[in-house]
Amino acid sequence: MIIPAEKELRAVLARFAQARIEHDARPTGRTSRDLEDATYTLCVMTGERTAEQALLAADALLEQYGAGRVSLSQEDETLAA
């Protein structure tokens, strides 16, 4: 699986959240299609089959991105010393 860029993953998560909120607040055909599209994109991006699985996978990826930043910061501190 190709790992998505953090910026792109965050953008898709935001789009999914917005679609979910709009559909829950005032469900229409448009909000349903928007939610289905955002869910599909999130699932494809994470390689999962359901929204729940995709959200868990996205959380795990975001943790990995965060851990990568921490290790890079520690390397920078080591080099500076």
PDB file of N, CA and C in Angstrom:
ATOM      1  N   MET A   1       0.842  -1.185   0.000  1.00  0.00           N
ATOM      2  CA  MET A   1       0.000   0.000   0.000  1.00  0.00           C
ATOM      3  C   MET A   1       0.887   1.248   0.000  1.00  0.00           C
ATOM      4  N   ILE A   2       0.496   2.217  -0.753  1.00  0.00           N
ATOM      5  CA  ILE A   2       1.186   3.503  -0.773  1.00  0.00           C
ATOM      6  C   ILE A   2       0.707   4.298   0.439  1.00  0.00           C
ATOM      7  N   ILE A   3       1.660   4.805   1.203  1.00  0.00           N
ATOM      8  CA  ILE A   3       1.329   5.581   2.394  1.00  0.00           C
ATOM      9  C   ILE A   3       0.993   7.015   1.962  1.00  0.00           C
ATOM     10  N   PRO A   4      -0.187   7.507   2.368  1.00  0.00           N
ATOM     11  CA  PRO A   4      -0.555   8.875   1.964  1.00  0.00           C
ATOM     12  C   PRO A   4       0.273   9.915   2.707  1.00  0.00           C
ATOM     13  N   ALA A   5       0.453  11.047   2.083  1.00  0.00           N
ATOM     14  CA  ALA A   5       1.126  12.164   2.741  1.00  0.00           C
ATOM     15  C   ALA A   5       0.247  12.659   3.883  1.00  0.00           C
ATOM     16  N   GLU A   6       0.887  13.108   4.940  1.00  0.00           N
ATOM     17  CA  GLU A   6       0.140  13.556   6.121  1.00  0.00           C
ATOM     18  C   GLU A   6      -0.850  14.667   5.771  1.00  0.00           C
ATOM     19  N   LYS A   7      -0.416  15.622   4.985  1.00  0.00           N
ATOM     20  CA  LYS A   7      -1.277  16.750   4.611  1.00  0.00           C
ATOM     21  C   LYS A   7      -2.533  16.265   3.883  1.00  0.00           C
ATOM     22  N   GLU A   8      -2.341  15.316   2.960  1.00  0.00           N
ATOM     23  CA  GLU A   8      -3.485  14.785   2.210  1.00  0.00           C
ATOM     24  C   GLU A   8      -4.422  13.992   3.112  1.00  0.00           C
ATOM     25  N   LEU A   9      -3.854  13.197   4.010  1.00  0.00           N
ATOM     26  CA  LEU A   9      -4.674  12.417   4.936  1.00  0.00           C
ATOM     27  C   LEU A   9      -5.495  13.340   5.829  1.00  0.00           C
ATOM     28  N   ARG A  10      -4.874  14.370   6.340  1.00  0.00           N
ATOM     29  CA  ARG A  10      -5.600  15.317   7.196  1.00  0.00           C
ATOM     30  C   ARG A  10      -6.711  16.024   6.414  1.00  0.00           C
ATOM     31  N   ALA A  11      -6.463  16.351   5.159  1.00  0.00           N
ATOM     32  CA  ALA A  11      -7.480  17.002   4.334  1.00  0.00           C
ATOM     33  C   ALA A  11      -8.677  16.073   4.115  1.00  0.00           C
ATOM     34  N   VAL A  12      -8.414  14.799   3.863  1.00  0.00           N
ATOM     35  CA  VAL A  12      -9.508  13.843   3.658  1.00  0.00           C
ATOM     36  C   VAL A  12     -10.271  13.614   4.956  1.00  0.00           C
ATOM     37  N   LEU A  13      -9.568  13.560   6.085  1.00  0.00           N
ATOM     38  CA  LEU A  13     -10.246  13.414   7.373  1.00  0.00           C
ATOM     39  C   LEU A  13     -11.144  14.618   7.654  1.00  0.00           C
ATOM     40  N   ALA A  14     -10.667  15.807   7.333  1.00  0.00           N
ATOM     41  CA  ALA A  14     -11.477  17.013   7.533  1.00  0.00           C
ATOM     42  C   ALA A  14     -12.704  16.990   6.632  1.00  0.00           C
ATOM     43  N   ARG A  15     -12.504  16.558   5.391  1.00  0.00           N
ATOM     44  CA  ARG A  15     -13.633  16.467   4.444  1.00  0.00           C
ATOM     45  C   ARG A  15     -14.667  15.442   4.935  1.00  0.00           C
ATOM     46  N   PHE A  16     -14.180  14.305   5.431  1.00  0.00           N
ATOM     47  CA  PHE A  16     -15.073  13.282   5.966  1.00  0.00           C
ATOM     48  C   PHE A  16     -15.852  13.831   7.165  1.00  0.00           C
ATOM     49  N   ALA A  17     -15.159  14.497   8.081  1.00  0.00           N
ATOM     50  CA  ALA A  17     -15.807  15.037   9.273  1.00  0.00           C
ATOM     51  C   ALA A  17     -16.878  16.055   8.895  1.00  0.00           C
ATOM     52  N   GLN A  18     -16.554  16.942   7.964  1.00  0.00           N
ATOM     53  CA  GLN A  18     -17.520  17.950   7.536  1.00  0.00           C
ATOM     54  C   GLN A  18     -18.747  17.300   6.888  1.00  0.00           C
ATOM     55  N   ALA A  19     -18.511  16.306   6.045  1.00  0.00           N
ATOM     56  CA  ALA A  19     -19.616  15.613   5.386  1.00  0.00           C
ATOM     57  C   ALA A  19     -20.486  14.888   6.406  1.00  0.00           C
ATOM     58  N   ARG A  20     -19.849  14.280   7.406  1.00  0.00           N
ATOM     59  CA  ARG A  20     -20.590  13.561   8.449  1.00  0.00           C
ATOM     60  C   ARG A  20     -21.459  14.532   9.240  1.00  0.00           C
ATOM     61  N   ILE A  21     -20.891  15.672   9.606  1.00  0.00           N
ATOM     62  CA  ILE A  21     -21.632  16.680  10.378  1.00  0.00           C
ATOM     63  C   ILE A  21     -22.815  17.204   9.581  1.00  0.00           C
ATOM     64  N   GLU A  22     -22.570  17.574   8.324  1.00  0.00           N
ATOM     65  CA  GLU A  22     -23.649  18.109   7.491  1.00  0.00           C
ATOM     66  C   GLU A  22     -24.751  17.076   7.282  1.00  0.00           C
ATOM     67  N   HIS A  23     -24.373  15.837   7.060  1.00  0.00           N
ATOM     68  CA  HIS A  23     -25.379  14.797   6.832  1.00  0.00           C
ATOM     69  C   HIS A  23     -26.172  14.500   8.106  1.00  0.00           C
ATOM     70  N   ASP A  24     -25.496  14.514   9.242  1.00  0.00           N
ATOM     71  CA  ASP A  24     -26.202  14.269  10.507  1.00  0.00           C
ATOM     72  C   ASP A  24     -27.147  15.421  10.857  1.00  0.00           C
ATOM     73  N   ALA A  25     -26.739  16.646  10.522  1.00  0.00           N
ATOM     74  CA  ALA A  25     -27.546  17.820  10.859  1.00  0.00           C
ATOM     75  C   ALA A  25     -28.775  17.946   9.960  1.00  0.00           C
ATOM     76  N   ARG A  26     -28.578  17.791   8.656  1.00  0.00           N
ATOM     77  CA  ARG A  26     -29.676  17.935   7.688  1.00  0.00           C
ATOM     78  C   ARG A  26     -29.478  16.961   6.546  1.00  0.00           C
ATOM     79  N   PRO A  27     -29.899  15.717   6.734  1.00  0.00           N
ATOM     80  CA  PRO A  27     -29.673  14.726   5.666  1.00  0.00           C
ATOM     81  C   PRO A  27     -30.473  15.028   4.400  1.00  0.00           C
ATOM     82  N   THR A  28     -29.756  15.070   3.292  1.00  0.00           N
ATOM     83  CA  THR A  28     -30.370  15.236   1.979  1.00  0.00           C
ATOM     84  C   THR A  28     -29.648  14.294   1.022  1.00  0.00           C
ATOM     85  N   GLY A  29     -30.108  14.254  -0.189  1.00  0.00           N
ATOM     86  CA  GLY A  29     -29.426  13.450  -1.195  1.00  0.00           C
ATOM     87  C   GLY A  29     -28.003  13.925  -1.422  1.00  0.00           C
ATOM     88  N   ARG A  30     -27.817  15.239  -1.412  1.00  0.00           N
ATOM     89  CA  ARG A  30     -26.484  15.813  -1.626  1.00  0.00           C
ATOM     90  C   ARG A  30     -25.550  15.450  -0.481  1.00  0.00           C
ATOM     91  N   THR A  31     -26.025  15.609   0.772  1.00  0.00           N
ATOM     92  CA  THR A  31     -25.153  15.296   1.906  1.00  0.00           C
ATOM     93  C   THR A  31     -24.832  13.806   1.961  1.00  0.00           C
ATOM     94  N   SER A  32     -25.786  12.987   1.542  1.00  0.00           N
ATOM     95  CA  SER A  32     -25.542  11.549   1.497  1.00  0.00           C
ATOM     96  C   SER A  32     -24.458  11.216   0.477  1.00  0.00           C
ATOM     97  N   ARG A  33     -24.532  11.814  -0.696  1.00  0.00           N
ATOM     98  CA  ARG A  33     -23.511  11.590  -1.736  1.00  0.00           C
ATOM     99  C   ARG A  33     -22.152  12.114  -1.291  1.00  0.00           C
ATOM    100  N   ASP A  34     -22.139  13.281  -0.655  1.00  0.00           N
ATOM    101  CA  ASP A  34     -20.879  13.846  -0.173  1.00  0.00           C
ATOM    102  C   ASP A  34     -20.237  12.928   0.873  1.00  0.00           C
ATOM    103  N   LEU A  35     -21.064  12.398   1.771  1.00  0.00           N
ATOM    104  CA  LEU A  35     -20.550  11.498   2.800  1.00  0.00           C
ATOM    105  C   LEU A  35     -20.044  10.197   2.187  1.00  0.00           C
ATOM    106  N   GLU A  36     -20.783   9.656   1.238  1.00  0.00           N
ATOM    107  CA  GLU A  36     -20.346   8.430   0.565  1.00  0.00           C
ATOM    108  C   GLU A  36     -19.024   8.653  -0.164  1.00  0.00           C
ATOM    109  N   ASP A  37     -18.893   9.784  -0.826  1.00  0.00           N
ATOM    110  CA  ASP A  37     -17.669  10.096  -1.554  1.00  0.00           C
ATOM    111  C   ASP A  37     -16.487  10.263  -0.602  1.00  0.00           C
ATOM    112  N   ALA A  38     -16.689  10.987   0.490  1.00  0.00           N
ATOM    113  CA  ALA A  38     -15.612  11.196   1.461  1.00  0.00           C
ATOM    114  C   ALA A  38     -15.219   9.875   2.124  1.00  0.00           C
ATOM    115  N   THR A  39     -16.218   9.035   2.409  1.00  0.00           N
ATOM    116  CA  THR A  39     -15.943   7.731   3.013  1.00  0.00           C
ATOM    117  C   THR A  39     -15.150   6.865   2.055  1.00  0.00           C
ATOM    118  N   TYR A  40     -15.550   6.840   0.804  1.00  0.00           N
ATOM    119  CA  TYR A  40     -14.847   6.059  -0.208  1.00  0.00           C
ATOM    120  C   TYR A  40     -13.389   6.512  -0.317  1.00  0.00           C
ATOM    121  N   THR A  41     -13.177   7.814  -0.389  1.00  0.00           N
ATOM    122  CA  THR A  41     -11.826   8.351  -0.515  1.00  0.00           C
ATOM    123  C   THR A  41     -10.974   7.974   0.691  1.00  0.00           C
ATOM    124  N   LEU A  42     -11.536   8.095   1.888  1.00  0.00           N
ATOM    125  CA  LEU A  42     -10.815   7.735   3.105  1.00  0.00           C
ATOM    126  C   LEU A  42     -10.471   6.250   3.119  1.00  0.00           C
ATOM    127  N   CYS A  43     -11.416   5.420   2.705  1.00  0.00           N
ATOM    128  CA  CYS A  43     -11.172   3.979   2.663  1.00  0.00           C
ATOM    129  C   CYS A  43     -10.075   3.622   1.660  1.00  0.00           C
ATOM    130  N   VAL A  44     -10.112   4.228   0.490  1.00  0.00           N
ATOM    131  CA  VAL A  44      -9.091   3.960  -0.519  1.00  0.00           C
ATOM    132  C   VAL A  44      -7.723   4.426  -0.010  1.00  0.00           C
ATOM    133  N   MET A  45      -7.698   5.586   0.575  1.00  0.00           N
ATOM    134  CA  MET A  45      -6.438   6.147   1.046  1.00  0.00           C
ATOM    135  C   MET A  45      -5.784   5.298   2.136  1.00  0.00           C
ATOM    136  N   THR A  46      -6.605   4.677   2.982  1.00  0.00           N
ATOM    137  CA  THR A  46      -6.072   3.887   4.090  1.00  0.00           C
ATOM    138  C   THR A  46      -6.022   2.394   3.783  1.00  0.00           C
ATOM    139  N   GLY A  47      -6.652   1.972   2.678  1.00  0.00           N
ATOM    140  CA  GLY A  47      -6.651   0.562   2.320  1.00  0.00           C
ATOM    141  C   GLY A  47      -7.618  -0.264   3.150  1.00  0.00           C
ATOM    142  N   GLU A  48      -8.638   0.368   3.674  1.00  0.00           N
ATOM    143  CA  GLU A  48      -9.626  -0.319   4.520  1.00  0.00           C
ATOM    144  C   GLU A  48     -10.978  -0.380   3.813  1.00  0.00           C
ATOM    145  N   ARG A  49     -11.882  -1.219   4.370  1.00  0.00           N
ATOM    146  CA  ARG A  49     -13.180  -1.433   3.721  1.00  0.00           C
ATOM    147  C   ARG A  49     -14.345  -0.670   4.353  1.00  0.00           C
ATOM    148  N   THR A  50     -14.209  -0.270   5.606  1.00  0.00           N
ATOM    149  CA  THR A  50     -15.300   0.451   6.271  1.00  0.00           C
ATOM    150  C   THR A  50     -14.783   1.781   6.821  1.00  0.00           C
ATOM    151  N   ALA A  51     -15.707   2.686   7.081  1.00  0.00           N
ATOM    152  CA  ALA A  51     -15.319   3.984   7.637  1.00  0.00           C
ATOM    153  C   ALA A  51     -14.652   3.804   8.998  1.00  0.00           C
ATOM    154  N   GLU A  52     -15.186   2.912   9.809  1.00  0.00           N
ATOM    155  CA  GLU A  52     -14.627   2.684  11.143  1.00  0.00           C
ATOM    156  C   GLU A  52     -13.188   2.183  11.049  1.00  0.00           C
ATOM    157  N   GLN A  53     -12.950   1.219  10.167  1.00  0.00           N
ATOM    158  CA  GLN A  53     -11.592   0.699   9.985  1.00  0.00           C
ATOM    159  C   GLN A  53     -10.669   1.771   9.416  1.00  0.00           C
ATOM    160  N   ALA A  54     -11.182   2.557   8.495  1.00  0.00           N
ATOM    161  CA  ALA A  54     -10.381   3.608   7.872  1.00  0.00           C
ATOM    162  C   ALA A  54      -9.991   4.681   8.887  1.00  0.00           C
ATOM    163  N   LEU A  55     -10.908   5.026   9.777  1.00  0.00           N
ATOM    164  CA  LEU A  55     -10.601   6.019  10.805  1.00  0.00           C
ATOM    165  C   LEU A  55      -9.542   5.499  11.768  1.00  0.00           C
ATOM    166  N   LEU A  56      -9.627   4.224  12.137  1.00  0.00           N
ATOM    167  CA  LEU A  56      -8.603   3.629  13.008  1.00  0.00           C
ATOM    168  C   LEU A  56      -7.245   3.616  12.306  1.00  0.00           C
ATOM    169  N   ALA A  57      -7.248   3.254  11.033  1.00  0.00           N
ATOM    170  CA  ALA A  57      -6.000   3.237  10.263  1.00  0.00           C
ATOM    171  C   ALA A  57      -5.427   4.647  10.134  1.00  0.00           C
ATOM    172  N   ALA A  58      -6.285   5.627   9.910  1.00  0.00           N
ATOM    173  CA  ALA A  58      -5.837   7.015   9.796  1.00  0.00           C
ATOM    174  C   ALA A  58      -5.223   7.484  11.114  1.00  0.00           C
ATOM    175  N   ASP A  59      -5.841   7.132  12.227  1.00  0.00           N
ATOM    176  CA  ASP A  59      -5.276   7.483  13.535  1.00  0.00           C
ATOM    177  C   ASP A  59      -3.886   6.874  13.712  1.00  0.00           C
ATOM    178  N   ALA A  60      -3.734   5.620  13.316  1.00  0.00           N
ATOM    179  CA  ALA A  60      -2.435   4.952  13.427  1.00  0.00           C
ATOM    180  C   ALA A  60      -1.392   5.643  12.545  1.00  0.00           C
ATOM    181  N   LEU A  61      -1.784   6.025  11.345  1.00  0.00           N
ATOM    182  CA  LEU A  61      -0.860   6.736  10.458  1.00  0.00           C
ATOM    183  C   LEU A  61      -0.453   8.085  11.047  1.00  0.00           C
ATOM    184  N   LEU A  62      -1.413   8.795  11.622  1.00  0.00           N
ATOM    185  CA  LEU A  62      -1.100  10.096  12.220  1.00  0.00           C
ATOM    186  C   LEU A  62      -0.141   9.935  13.402  1.00  0.00           C
ATOM    187  N   GLU A  63      -0.295   8.861  14.156  1.00  0.00           N
ATOM    188  CA  GLU A  63       0.644   8.580  15.248  1.00  0.00           C
ATOM    189  C   GLU A  63       2.045   8.328  14.695  1.00  0.00           C
ATOM    190  N   GLN A  64       2.120   7.589  13.597  1.00  0.00           N
ATOM    191  CA  GLN A  64       3.422   7.329  12.971  1.00  0.00           C
ATOM    192  C   GLN A  64       4.063   8.622  12.486  1.00  0.00           C
ATOM    193  N   TYR A  65       3.265   9.502  11.893  1.00  0.00           N
ATOM    194  CA  TYR A  65       3.794  10.785  11.435  1.00  0.00           C
ATOM    195  C   TYR A  65       4.342  11.571  12.624  1.00  0.00           C
ATOM    196  N   GLY A  66       3.586  11.573  13.725  1.00  0.00           N
ATOM    197  CA  GLY A  66       4.019  12.280  14.926  1.00  0.00           C
ATOM    198  C   GLY A  66       5.294  11.698  15.499  1.00  0.00           C
ATOM    199  N   ALA A  67       5.400  10.379  15.522  1.00  0.00           N
ATOM    200  CA  ALA A  67       6.603   9.723  16.034  1.00  0.00           C
ATOM    201  C   ALA A  67       7.806  10.054  15.159  1.00  0.00           C
ATOM    202  N   GLY A  68       7.583  10.158  13.869  1.00  0.00           N
ATOM    203  CA  GLY A  68       8.664  10.522  12.956  1.00  0.00           C
ATOM    204  C   GLY A  68       9.190  11.917  13.228  1.00  0.00           C
ATOM    205  N   ARG A  69       8.297  12.831  13.567  1.00  0.00           N
ATOM    206  CA  ARG A  69       8.719  14.204  13.883  1.00  0.00           C
ATOM    207  C   ARG A  69       9.510  14.233  15.175  1.00  0.00           C
ATOM    208  N   VAL A  70       9.091  13.436  16.160  1.00  0.00           N
ATOM    209  CA  VAL A  70       9.792  13.403  17.442  1.00  0.00           C
ATOM    210  C   VAL A  70      11.203  12.871  17.246  1.00  0.00           C
ATOM    211  N   SER A  71      11.350  11.781  16.490  1.00  0.00           N
ATOM    212  CA  SER A  71      12.680  11.214  16.289  1.00  0.00           C
ATOM    213  C   SER A  71      13.565  12.172  15.493  1.00  0.00           C
ATOM    214  N   LEU A  72      12.993  12.907  14.543  1.00  0.00           N
ATOM    215  CA  LEU A  72      13.774  13.884  13.794  1.00  0.00           C
ATOM    216  C   LEU A  72      14.225  15.016  14.693  1.00  0.00           C
ATOM    217  N   SER A  73      13.365  15.453  15.613  1.00  0.00           N
ATOM    218  CA  SER A  73      13.721  16.523  16.556  1.00  0.00           C
ATOM    219  C   SER A  73      14.860  16.071  17.451  1.00  0.00           C
ATOM    220  N   GLN A  74      14.807  14.825  17.893  1.00  0.00           N
ATOM    221  CA  GLN A  74      15.870  14.310  18.766  1.00  0.00           C
ATOM    222  C   GLN A  74      17.184  14.216  17.992  1.00  0.00           C
ATOM    223  N   GLU A  75      17.138  13.833  16.724  1.00  0.00           N
ATOM    224  CA  GLU A  75      18.342  13.783  15.903  1.00  0.00           C
ATOM    225  C   GLU A  75      18.927  15.183  15.744  1.00  0.00           C
ATOM    226  N   ASP A  76      18.064  16.180  15.542  1.00  0.00           N
ATOM    227  CA  ASP A  76      18.537  17.552  15.391  1.00  0.00           C
ATOM    228  C   ASP A  76      19.228  18.019  16.669  1.00  0.00           C
ATOM    229  N   GLU A  77      18.662  17.679  17.841  1.00  0.00           N
ATOM    230  CA  GLU A  77      19.262  18.064  19.111  1.00  0.00           C
ATOM    231  C   GLU A  77      20.614  17.391  19.288  1.00  0.00           C
ATOM    232  N   THR A  78      20.700  16.120  18.888  1.00  0.00           N
ATOM    233  CA  THR A  78      21.960  15.392  19.012  1.00  0.00           C
ATOM    234  C   THR A  78      23.025  16.030  18.126  1.00  0.00           C
ATOM    235  N   LEU A  79      22.651  16.392  16.915  1.00  0.00           N
ATOM    236  CA  LEU A  79      23.595  17.020  16.003  1.00  0.00           C
ATOM    237  C   LEU A  79      24.040  18.405  16.508  1.00  0.00           C
ATOM    238  N   ALA A  80      23.138  19.119  17.177  1.00  0.00           N
ATOM    239  CA  ALA A  80      23.450  20.444  17.661  1.00  0.00           C
ATOM    240  C   ALA A  80      24.403  20.387  18.852  1.00  0.00           C
ATOM    241  N   ALA A  81      24.384  19.307  19.604  1.00  0.00           N
ATOM    242  CA  ALA A  81      25.246  19.170  20.786  1.00  0.00           C
ATOM    243  C   ALA A  81      26.608  18.860  20.376  1.00  0.00           C
TER     244      ALA A  81
END
